Amino acid sequence: MQHIAGLSRQQLQICSLEDKIALDSSLRFIEAFVKNISIEALGFTAQKKRTLNPLNILSQNFTRTLKVLTACNRFQLVRLGERNEILAEN
């Protein structure tokens, strides 16, 4: 029985981006500069990002959906009422 020839397992090489950047690369200088820069010394203030509570997001989306469905339902009820009035007149 013949086997299916594929890629050798030895060809798979896992390496990080850190391994690919040379030690004398200008990216290393930029990385060191950014790590050591003081935001406060430049006159900026660090602000905390507001975290989003998933329950608040769900309730907001539910409320919006409910409003849209209510509006659509009202429109359908108005149309149904108009149709019933027309049928009652005839």
Protein backbone atom coordinates (compact mmCIF):
# COMPACT_ATOMS: atom_id res chain seq x y z
CA MET A 1 0.00 0.00 0.00
CA GLN A 2 1.35 3.40 -0.94
CA HIS A 3 1.34 6.33 1.43
CA ILE A 4 0.51 9.94 0.63
CA ALA A 5 3.62 12.10 0.43
CA GLY A 6 3.23 15.42 2.18
CA LEU A 7 5.28 18.09 3.85
CA SER A 8 7.98 17.00 6.21
CA ARG A 9 7.29 17.68 9.87
CA GLN A 10 10.77 19.15 10.13
CA GLN A 11 9.72 22.12 7.95
CA LEU A 12 7.49 23.60 10.63
CA GLN A 13 9.37 26.28 12.52
CA ILE A 14 7.68 28.23 15.28
CA CYS A 15 9.36 31.50 16.18
CA SER A 16 8.31 34.80 17.67
CA LEU A 17 8.57 38.28 16.22
CA GLU A 18 11.18 38.97 18.90
CA ASP A 19 13.40 36.28 17.31
CA LYS A 20 13.04 37.77 13.84
CA ILE A 21 14.13 41.33 14.76
CA ALA A 22 17.89 41.80 14.77
CA LEU A 23 19.54 43.02 17.96
CA ASP A 24 20.99 46.09 16.20
CA SER A 25 17.71 47.01 14.47
CA SER A 26 16.30 50.52 14.82
CA LEU A 27 13.08 48.94 16.10
CA ARG A 28 14.91 48.01 19.29
CA PHE A 29 15.78 51.68 19.84
CA ILE A 30 12.17 52.76 19.28
CA GLU A 31 10.89 50.08 21.65
CA ALA A 32 13.34 51.18 24.38
CA PHE A 33 12.44 54.84 23.86
CA VAL A 34 8.70 54.19 24.12
CA LYS A 35 9.12 52.04 27.23
CA ASN A 36 11.15 54.74 29.01
CA ILE A 37 9.24 57.86 27.98
CA SER A 38 7.36 59.66 30.72
CA ILE A 39 3.89 60.74 29.62
CA GLU A 40 3.45 63.00 32.65
CA ALA A 41 6.76 64.79 31.99
CA LEU A 42 5.46 65.77 28.55
CA GLY A 43 2.34 67.33 30.08
CA PHE A 44 -0.11 64.55 29.30
CA THR A 45 -2.26 62.80 31.87
CA ALA A 46 -3.08 59.14 31.82
CA GLN A 47 -6.78 58.37 31.88
CA LYS A 48 -8.48 55.14 32.71
CA LYS A 49 -10.65 53.64 30.04
CA ARG A 50 -14.20 53.07 31.10
CA THR A 51 -14.90 49.38 31.15
CA LEU A 52 -18.13 48.20 29.63
CA ASN A 53 -20.37 45.94 31.62
CA PRO A 54 -21.82 43.24 29.32
CA LEU A 55 -25.16 43.41 31.15
CA ASN A 56 -25.46 47.12 30.37
CA ILE A 57 -24.72 46.47 26.70
CA LEU A 58 -27.33 43.70 26.57
CA SER A 59 -29.95 45.82 28.31
CA GLN A 60 -29.29 48.78 25.98
CA ASN A 61 -29.54 46.58 22.90
CA PHE A 62 -32.67 44.91 24.26
CA THR A 63 -34.25 48.29 24.95
CA ARG A 64 -33.45 49.54 21.43
CA THR A 65 -34.79 46.35 19.88
CA LEU A 66 -37.93 46.58 21.96
CA LYS A 67 -38.48 50.18 20.85
CA VAL A 68 -38.08 49.25 17.19
CA LEU A 69 -40.43 46.28 17.52
CA THR A 70 -42.98 48.41 19.36
CA ALA A 71 -42.84 51.04 16.63
CA CYS A 72 -43.27 48.40 13.92
CA ASN A 73 -46.13 46.80 15.83
CA ARG A 74 -47.87 50.18 16.23
CA PHE A 75 -47.50 50.79 12.50
CA GLN A 76 -49.03 47.40 11.76
CA LEU A 77 -51.88 48.03 14.19
CA VAL A 78 -52.60 51.40 12.57
CA ARG A 79 -52.61 49.79 9.14
CA LEU A 80 -54.84 46.99 10.41
CA GLY A 81 -57.22 49.57 11.91
CA GLU A 82 -57.36 51.49 8.63
CA ARG A 83 -58.08 48.28 6.74
CA ASN A 84 -60.86 47.35 9.17
CA GLU A 85 -62.40 50.82 8.80
CA ILE A 86 -62.34 50.48 5.01
CA LEU A 87 -63.92 47.03 5.23
CA ALA A 88 -66.57 48.33 7.64
CA GLU A 89 -67.50 51.15 5.25
CA ASN A 90 -68.09 48.73 2.36
